[in-house]
Amino acid sequence: MADIAGNNADIQIQDYAPGFVAFAGDGGGEVLAFDASGAVFLLPLVGMEPQYAIKVADSFAELEARFEIAI
């Protein structure tokens, strides 16, 4: 959890996209992040603003299920 907090501080997510917590990166300039409801969003690192967040799942469990289907 300390890594997540440190990484979020490094990318200044609370300054640019308050209410989001990033938990993974895609290596291509975007992060996966939770909002307060637990929904999962894809958020760009460049131009990081809540209005550019793309909802990819209603929950982590839904995101996990999508990966299982893809495999």
PDB file of N, CA and C in Angstrom:
ATOM      1  N   MET A   1       0.815  -1.192   0.000  1.00  0.00           N
ATOM      2  CA  MET A   1       0.000   0.000   0.000  1.00  0.00           C
ATOM      3  C   MET A   1       0.864   1.263   0.000  1.00  0.00           C
ATOM      4  N   ALA A   2       2.040   1.182   0.623  1.00  0.00           N
ATOM      5  CA  ALA A   2       2.923   2.346   0.639  1.00  0.00           C
ATOM      6  C   ALA A   2       3.361   2.700  -0.772  1.00  0.00           C
ATOM      7  N   ASP A   3       3.588   1.670  -1.607  1.00  0.00           N
ATOM      8  CA  ASP A   3       3.963   1.929  -2.999  1.00  0.00           C
ATOM      9  C   ASP A   3       2.855   2.672  -3.732  1.00  0.00           C
ATOM     10  N   ILE A   4       1.616   2.273  -3.503  1.00  0.00           N
ATOM     11  CA  ILE A   4       0.488   2.932  -4.164  1.00  0.00           C
ATOM     12  C   ILE A   4       0.417   4.398  -3.735  1.00  0.00           C
ATOM     13  N   ALA A   5       0.532   4.646  -2.446  1.00  0.00           N
ATOM     14  CA  ALA A   5       0.485   6.030  -1.956  1.00  0.00           C
ATOM     15  C   ALA A   5       1.639   6.843  -2.526  1.00  0.00           C
ATOM     16  N   GLY A   6       2.830   6.266  -2.547  1.00  0.00           N
ATOM     17  CA  GLY A   6       3.992   6.963  -3.086  1.00  0.00           C
ATOM     18  C   GLY A   6       3.865   7.246  -4.567  1.00  0.00           C
ATOM     19  N   ASN A   7       3.385   6.262  -5.317  1.00  0.00           N
ATOM     20  CA  ASN A   7       3.203   6.452  -6.758  1.00  0.00           C
ATOM     21  C   ASN A   7       2.146   7.512  -7.046  1.00  0.00           C
ATOM     22  N   ASN A   8       1.074   7.515  -6.265  1.00  0.00           N
ATOM     23  CA  ASN A   8       0.033   8.532  -6.447  1.00  0.00           C
ATOM     24  C   ASN A   8       0.572   9.925  -6.146  1.00  0.00           C
ATOM     25  N   ALA A   9       1.425  10.022  -5.142  1.00  0.00           N
ATOM     26  CA  ALA A   9       2.046  11.316  -4.834  1.00  0.00           C
ATOM     27  C   ALA A   9       2.973  11.739  -5.968  1.00  0.00           C
ATOM     28  N   ASP A  10       3.732  10.773  -6.518  1.00  0.00           N
ATOM     29  CA  ASP A  10       4.665  11.079  -7.612  1.00  0.00           C
ATOM     30  C   ASP A  10       3.953  11.640  -8.837  1.00  0.00           C
ATOM     31  N   ILE A  11       2.791  11.087  -9.158  1.00  0.00           N
ATOM     32  CA  ILE A  11       2.072  11.555 -10.354  1.00  0.00           C
ATOM     33  C   ILE A  11       1.104  12.693 -10.035  1.00  0.00           C
ATOM     34  N   GLN A  12       1.059  13.095  -8.782  1.00  0.00           N
ATOM     35  CA  GLN A  12       0.240  14.223  -8.318  1.00  0.00           C
ATOM     36  C   GLN A  12      -1.238  14.049  -8.684  1.00  0.00           C
ATOM     37  N   ILE A  13      -1.725  12.834  -8.507  1.00  0.00           N
ATOM     38  CA  ILE A  13      -3.106  12.541  -8.906  1.00  0.00           C
ATOM     39  C   ILE A  13      -4.117  13.371  -8.119  1.00  0.00           C
ATOM     40  N   GLN A  14      -3.854  13.652  -6.843  1.00  0.00           N
ATOM     41  CA  GLN A  14      -4.816  14.440  -6.055  1.00  0.00           C
ATOM     42  C   GLN A  14      -4.858  15.899  -6.483  1.00  0.00           C
ATOM     43  N   ASP A  15      -3.790  16.368  -7.123  1.00  0.00           N
ATOM     44  CA  ASP A  15      -3.789  17.737  -7.645  1.00  0.00           C
ATOM     45  C   ASP A  15      -4.547  17.829  -8.967  1.00  0.00           C
ATOM     46  N   TYR A  16      -4.362  16.822  -9.826  1.00  0.00           N
ATOM     47  CA  TYR A  16      -4.904  16.886 -11.182  1.00  0.00           C
ATOM     48  C   TYR A  16      -6.208  16.112 -11.373  1.00  0.00           C
ATOM     49  N   ALA A  17      -6.417  15.074 -10.578  1.00  0.00           N
ATOM     50  CA  ALA A  17      -7.647  14.277 -10.679  1.00  0.00           C
ATOM     51  C   ALA A  17      -8.090  13.885  -9.273  1.00  0.00           C
ATOM     52  N   PRO A  18      -8.509  14.864  -8.475  1.00  0.00           N
ATOM     53  CA  PRO A  18      -8.907  14.573  -7.098  1.00  0.00           C
ATOM     54  C   PRO A  18     -10.020  13.538  -7.046  1.00  0.00           C
ATOM     55  N   GLY A  19      -9.926  12.666  -6.043  1.00  0.00           N
ATOM     56  CA  GLY A  19     -10.935  11.629  -5.875  1.00  0.00           C
ATOM     57  C   GLY A  19     -10.564  10.313  -6.515  1.00  0.00           C
ATOM     58  N   PHE A  20      -9.481  10.285  -7.284  1.00  0.00           N
ATOM     59  CA  PHE A  20      -9.018   9.050  -7.910  1.00  0.00           C
ATOM     60  C   PHE A  20      -7.795   8.519  -7.174  1.00  0.00           C
ATOM     61  N   VAL A  21      -7.649   7.192  -7.167  1.00  0.00           N
ATOM     62  CA  VAL A  21      -6.473   6.526  -6.615  1.00  0.00           C
ATOM     63  C   VAL A  21      -5.971   5.560  -7.678  1.00  0.00           C
ATOM     64  N   ALA A  22      -4.782   5.844  -8.205  1.00  0.00           N
ATOM     65  CA  ALA A  22      -4.195   4.983  -9.232  1.00  0.00           C
ATOM     66  C   ALA A  22      -3.622   3.729  -8.586  1.00  0.00           C
ATOM     67  N   PHE A  23      -3.808   2.577  -9.248  1.00  0.00           N
ATOM     68  CA  PHE A  23      -3.275   1.330  -8.702  1.00  0.00           C
ATOM     69  C   PHE A  23      -2.444   0.549  -9.706  1.00  0.00           C
ATOM     70  N   ALA A  24      -2.433   0.956 -10.974  1.00  0.00           N
ATOM     71  CA  ALA A  24      -1.641   0.250 -11.987  1.00  0.00           C
ATOM     72  C   ALA A  24      -1.428   1.165 -13.179  1.00  0.00           C
ATOM     73  N   GLY A  25      -0.330   0.938 -13.881  1.00  0.00           N
ATOM     74  CA  GLY A  25      -0.055   1.672 -15.106  1.00  0.00           C
ATOM     75  C   GLY A  25      -0.038   0.719 -16.282  1.00  0.00           C
ATOM     76  N   ASP A  26      -0.276   1.257 -17.473  1.00  0.00           N
ATOM     77  CA  ASP A  26      -0.266   0.401 -18.658  1.00  0.00           C
ATOM     78  C   ASP A  26       1.045   0.501 -19.435  1.00  0.00           C
ATOM     79  N   GLY A  27       1.976   1.314 -18.942  1.00  0.00           N
ATOM     80  CA  GLY A  27       3.249   1.483 -19.625  1.00  0.00           C
ATOM     81  C   GLY A  27       3.165   2.366 -20.851  1.00  0.00           C
ATOM     82  N   GLY A  28       1.975   2.878 -21.124  1.00  0.00           N
ATOM     83  CA  GLY A  28       1.771   3.702 -22.306  1.00  0.00           C
ATOM     84  C   GLY A  28       1.220   5.077 -22.000  1.00  0.00           C
ATOM     85  N   GLY A  29       1.435   5.557 -20.783  1.00  0.00           N
ATOM     86  CA  GLY A  29       0.995   6.903 -20.444  1.00  0.00           C
ATOM     87  C   GLY A  29      -0.382   6.990 -19.823  1.00  0.00           C
ATOM     88  N   GLU A  30      -0.914   5.855 -19.377  1.00  0.00           N
ATOM     89  CA  GLU A  30      -2.221   5.855 -18.719  1.00  0.00           C
ATOM     90  C   GLU A  30      -2.141   4.998 -17.463  1.00  0.00           C
ATOM     91  N   VAL A  31      -3.007   5.300 -16.512  1.00  0.00           N
ATOM     92  CA  VAL A  31      -3.091   4.508 -15.289  1.00  0.00           C
ATOM     93  C   VAL A  31      -4.517   4.012 -15.102  1.00  0.00           C
ATOM     94  N   LEU A  32      -4.637   2.895 -14.407  1.00  0.00           N
ATOM     95  CA  LEU A  32      -5.933   2.420 -13.947  1.00  0.00           C
ATOM     96  C   LEU A  32      -6.126   2.999 -12.557  1.00  0.00           C
ATOM     97  N   ALA A  33      -7.309   3.539 -12.311  1.00  0.00           N
ATOM     98  CA  ALA A  33      -7.562   4.210 -11.037  1.00  0.00           C
ATOM     99  C   ALA A  33      -8.986   3.940 -10.566  1.00  0.00           C
ATOM    100  N   PHE A  34      -9.137   3.881  -9.252  1.00  0.00           N
ATOM    101  CA  PHE A  34     -10.453   3.787  -8.630  1.00  0.00           C
ATOM    102  C   PHE A  34     -10.974   5.189  -8.358  1.00  0.00           C
ATOM    103  N   ASP A  35     -12.307   5.335  -8.407  1.00  0.00           N
ATOM    104  CA  ASP A  35     -12.916   6.547  -7.867  1.00  0.00           C
ATOM    105  C   ASP A  35     -13.513   6.190  -6.514  1.00  0.00           C
ATOM    106  N   ALA A  36     -14.186   7.113  -5.879  1.00  0.00           N
ATOM    107  CA  ALA A  36     -14.722   6.891  -4.534  1.00  0.00           C
ATOM    108  C   ALA A  36     -15.758   5.776  -4.478  1.00  0.00           C
ATOM    109  N   SER A  37     -16.435   5.497  -5.590  1.00  0.00           N
ATOM    110  CA  SER A  37     -17.446   4.441  -5.605  1.00  0.00           C
ATOM    111  C   SER A  37     -16.841   3.059  -5.819  1.00  0.00           C
ATOM    112  N   GLY A  38     -15.541   3.007  -6.152  1.00  0.00           N
ATOM    113  CA  GLY A  38     -14.888   1.724  -6.426  1.00  0.00           C
ATOM    114  C   GLY A  38     -14.864   1.359  -7.891  1.00  0.00           C
ATOM    115  N   ALA A  39     -15.432   2.211  -8.744  1.00  0.00           N
ATOM    116  CA  ALA A  39     -15.381   1.970 -10.186  1.00  0.00           C
ATOM    117  C   ALA A  39     -13.943   2.147 -10.671  1.00  0.00           C
ATOM    118  N   VAL A  40     -13.622   1.478 -11.780  1.00  0.00           N
ATOM    119  CA  VAL A  40     -12.268   1.509 -12.329  1.00  0.00           C
ATOM    120  C   VAL A  40     -12.263   2.346 -13.603  1.00  0.00           C
ATOM    121  N   PHE A  41     -11.290   3.240 -13.688  1.00  0.00           N
ATOM    122  CA  PHE A  41     -11.167   4.147 -14.826  1.00  0.00           C
ATOM    123  C   PHE A  41      -9.773   4.068 -15.421  1.00  0.00           C
ATOM    124  N   LEU A  42      -9.675   4.369 -16.710  1.00  0.00           N
ATOM    125  CA  LEU A  42      -8.407   4.584 -17.387  1.00  0.00           C
ATOM    126  C   LEU A  42      -8.205   6.089 -17.425  1.00  0.00           C
ATOM    127  N   LEU A  43      -7.069   6.541 -16.917  1.00  0.00           N
ATOM    128  CA  LEU A  43      -6.814   7.971 -16.754  1.00  0.00           C
ATOM    129  C   LEU A  43      -5.475   8.311 -17.400  1.00  0.00           C
ATOM    130  N   PRO A  44      -5.443   9.296 -18.308  1.00  0.00           N
ATOM    131  CA  PRO A  44      -4.176   9.654 -18.953  1.00  0.00           C
ATOM    132  C   PRO A  44      -3.248  10.387 -17.982  1.00  0.00           C
ATOM    133  N   LEU A  45      -1.949  10.111 -18.094  1.00  0.00           N
ATOM    134  CA  LEU A  45      -0.980  10.824 -17.265  1.00  0.00           C
ATOM    135  C   LEU A  45      -0.734  12.231 -17.784  1.00  0.00           C
ATOM    136  N   VAL A  46      -0.775  12.403 -19.093  1.00  0.00           N
ATOM    137  CA  VAL A  46      -0.616  13.723 -19.698  1.00  0.00           C
ATOM    138  C   VAL A  46      -2.011  14.290 -19.916  1.00  0.00           C
ATOM    139  N   GLY A  47      -2.266  15.446 -19.351  1.00  0.00           N
ATOM    140  CA  GLY A  47      -3.610  16.015 -19.423  1.00  0.00           C
ATOM    141  C   GLY A  47      -4.543  15.347 -18.434  1.00  0.00           C
ATOM    142  N   MET A  48      -3.990  14.905 -17.306  1.00  0.00           N
ATOM    143  CA  MET A  48      -4.771  14.187 -16.300  1.00  0.00           C
ATOM    144  C   MET A  48      -5.823  15.115 -15.701  1.00  0.00           C
ATOM    145  N   GLU A  49      -7.069  14.850 -16.025  1.00  0.00           N
ATOM    146  CA  GLU A  49      -8.206  15.567 -15.461  1.00  0.00           C
ATOM    147  C   GLU A  49      -9.370  14.592 -15.381  1.00  0.00           C
ATOM    148  N   PRO A  50     -10.209  14.716 -14.356  1.00  0.00           N
ATOM    149  CA  PRO A  50     -11.326  13.787 -14.208  1.00  0.00           C
ATOM    150  C   PRO A  50     -12.205  13.666 -15.455  1.00  0.00           C
ATOM    151  N   GLN A  51     -12.364  14.748 -16.207  1.00  0.00           N
ATOM    152  CA  GLN A  51     -13.239  14.703 -17.384  1.00  0.00           C
ATOM    153  C   GLN A  51     -12.705  13.780 -18.477  1.00  0.00           C
ATOM    154  N   TYR A  52     -11.414  13.427 -18.421  1.00  0.00           N
ATOM    155  CA  TYR A  52     -10.830  12.547 -19.432  1.00  0.00           C
ATOM    156  C   TYR A  52     -10.748  11.097 -18.972  1.00  0.00           C
ATOM    157  N   ALA A  53     -11.239  10.814 -17.778  1.00  0.00           N
ATOM    158  CA  ALA A  53     -11.249   9.447 -17.269  1.00  0.00           C
ATOM    159  C   ALA A  53     -12.274   8.622 -18.044  1.00  0.00           C
ATOM    160  N   ILE A  54     -11.863   7.433 -18.435  1.00  0.00           N
ATOM    161  CA  ILE A  54     -12.745   6.518 -19.169  1.00  0.00           C
ATOM    162  C   ILE A  54     -13.080   5.352 -18.250  1.00  0.00           C
ATOM    163  N   LYS A  55     -14.362   5.184 -17.963  1.00  0.00           N
ATOM    164  CA  LYS A  55     -14.789   4.096 -17.084  1.00  0.00           C
ATOM    165  C   LYS A  55     -14.634   2.771 -17.815  1.00  0.00           C
ATOM    166  N   VAL A  56     -13.910   1.829 -17.190  1.00  0.00           N
ATOM    167  CA  VAL A  56     -13.702   0.521 -17.808  1.00  0.00           C
ATOM    168  C   VAL A  56     -14.410  -0.601 -17.059  1.00  0.00           C
ATOM    169  N   ALA A  57     -14.798  -0.358 -15.812  1.00  0.00           N
ATOM    170  CA  ALA A  57     -15.517  -1.376 -15.038  1.00  0.00           C
ATOM    171  C   ALA A  57     -16.184  -0.713 -13.839  1.00  0.00           C
ATOM    172  N   ASP A  58     -17.267  -1.313 -13.392  1.00  0.00           N
ATOM    173  CA  ASP A  58     -17.971  -0.796 -12.219  1.00  0.00           C
ATOM    174  C   ASP A  58     -17.280  -1.168 -10.912  1.00  0.00           C
ATOM    175  N   SER A  59     -16.372  -2.172 -10.965  1.00  0.00           N
ATOM    176  CA  SER A  59     -15.661  -2.619  -9.769  1.00  0.00           C
ATOM    177  C   SER A  59     -14.399  -3.368 -10.185  1.00  0.00           C
ATOM    178  N   PHE A  60     -13.522  -3.610  -9.210  1.00  0.00           N
ATOM    179  CA  PHE A  60     -12.319  -4.387  -9.499  1.00  0.00           C
ATOM    180  C   PHE A  60     -12.697  -5.814  -9.880  1.00  0.00           C
ATOM    181  N   ALA A  61     -13.730  -6.362  -9.229  1.00  0.00           N
ATOM    182  CA  ALA A  61     -14.182  -7.719  -9.548  1.00  0.00           C
ATOM    183  C   ALA A  61     -14.626  -7.814 -11.005  1.00  0.00           C
ATOM    184  N   GLU A  62     -15.317  -6.802 -11.502  1.00  0.00           N
ATOM    185  CA  GLU A  62     -15.737  -6.799 -12.905  1.00  0.00           C
ATOM    186  C   GLU A  62     -14.523  -6.719 -13.828  1.00  0.00           C
ATOM    187  N   LEU A  63     -13.547  -5.894 -13.474  1.00  0.00           N
ATOM    188  CA  LEU A  63     -12.321  -5.792 -14.269  1.00  0.00           C
ATOM    189  C   LEU A  63     -11.600  -7.135 -14.302  1.00  0.00           C
ATOM    190  N   GLU A  64     -11.493  -7.772 -13.152  1.00  0.00           N
ATOM    191  CA  GLU A  64     -10.846  -9.082 -13.058  1.00  0.00           C
ATOM    192  C   GLU A  64     -11.572 -10.111 -13.923  1.00  0.00           C
ATOM    193  N   ALA A  65     -12.887 -10.098 -13.898  1.00  0.00           N
ATOM    194  CA  ALA A  65     -13.671 -11.036 -14.706  1.00  0.00           C
ATOM    195  C   ALA A  65     -13.422 -10.817 -16.192  1.00  0.00           C
ATOM    196  N   ARG A  66     -13.262  -9.585 -16.603  1.00  0.00           N
ATOM    197  CA  ARG A  66     -12.982  -9.296 -18.015  1.00  0.00           C
ATOM    198  C   ARG A  66     -11.637  -9.867 -18.433  1.00  0.00           C
ATOM    199  N   PHE A  67     -10.641  -9.787 -17.549  1.00  0.00           N
ATOM    200  CA  PHE A  67      -9.337 -10.370 -17.857  1.00  0.00           C
ATOM    201  C   PHE A  67      -9.435 -11.885 -17.945  1.00  0.00           C
ATOM    202  N   GLU A  68     -10.219 -12.500 -17.067  1.00  0.00           N
ATOM    203  CA  GLU A  68     -10.382 -13.953 -17.095  1.00  0.00           C
ATOM    204  C   GLU A  68     -11.041 -14.398 -18.389  1.00  0.00           C
ATOM    205  N   ILE A  69     -12.008 -13.648 -18.879  1.00  0.00           N
ATOM    206  CA  ILE A  69     -12.677 -13.979 -20.141  1.00  0.00           C
ATOM    207  C   ILE A  69     -11.697 -13.874 -21.296  1.00  0.00           C
ATOM    208  N   ALA A  70     -10.824 -12.872 -21.248  1.00  0.00           N
ATOM    209  CA  ALA A  70      -9.866 -12.647 -22.335  1.00  0.00           C
ATOM    210  C   ALA A  70      -8.810 -13.739 -22.400  1.00  0.00           C
ATOM    211  N   ILE A  71      -8.544 -14.381 -21.285  1.00  0.00           N
ATOM    212  CA  ILE A  71      -7.523 -15.432 -21.266  1.00  0.00           C
ATOM    213  C   ILE A  71      -8.149 -16.691 -21.726  1.00  0.00           C
TER     214      ILE A  71
END
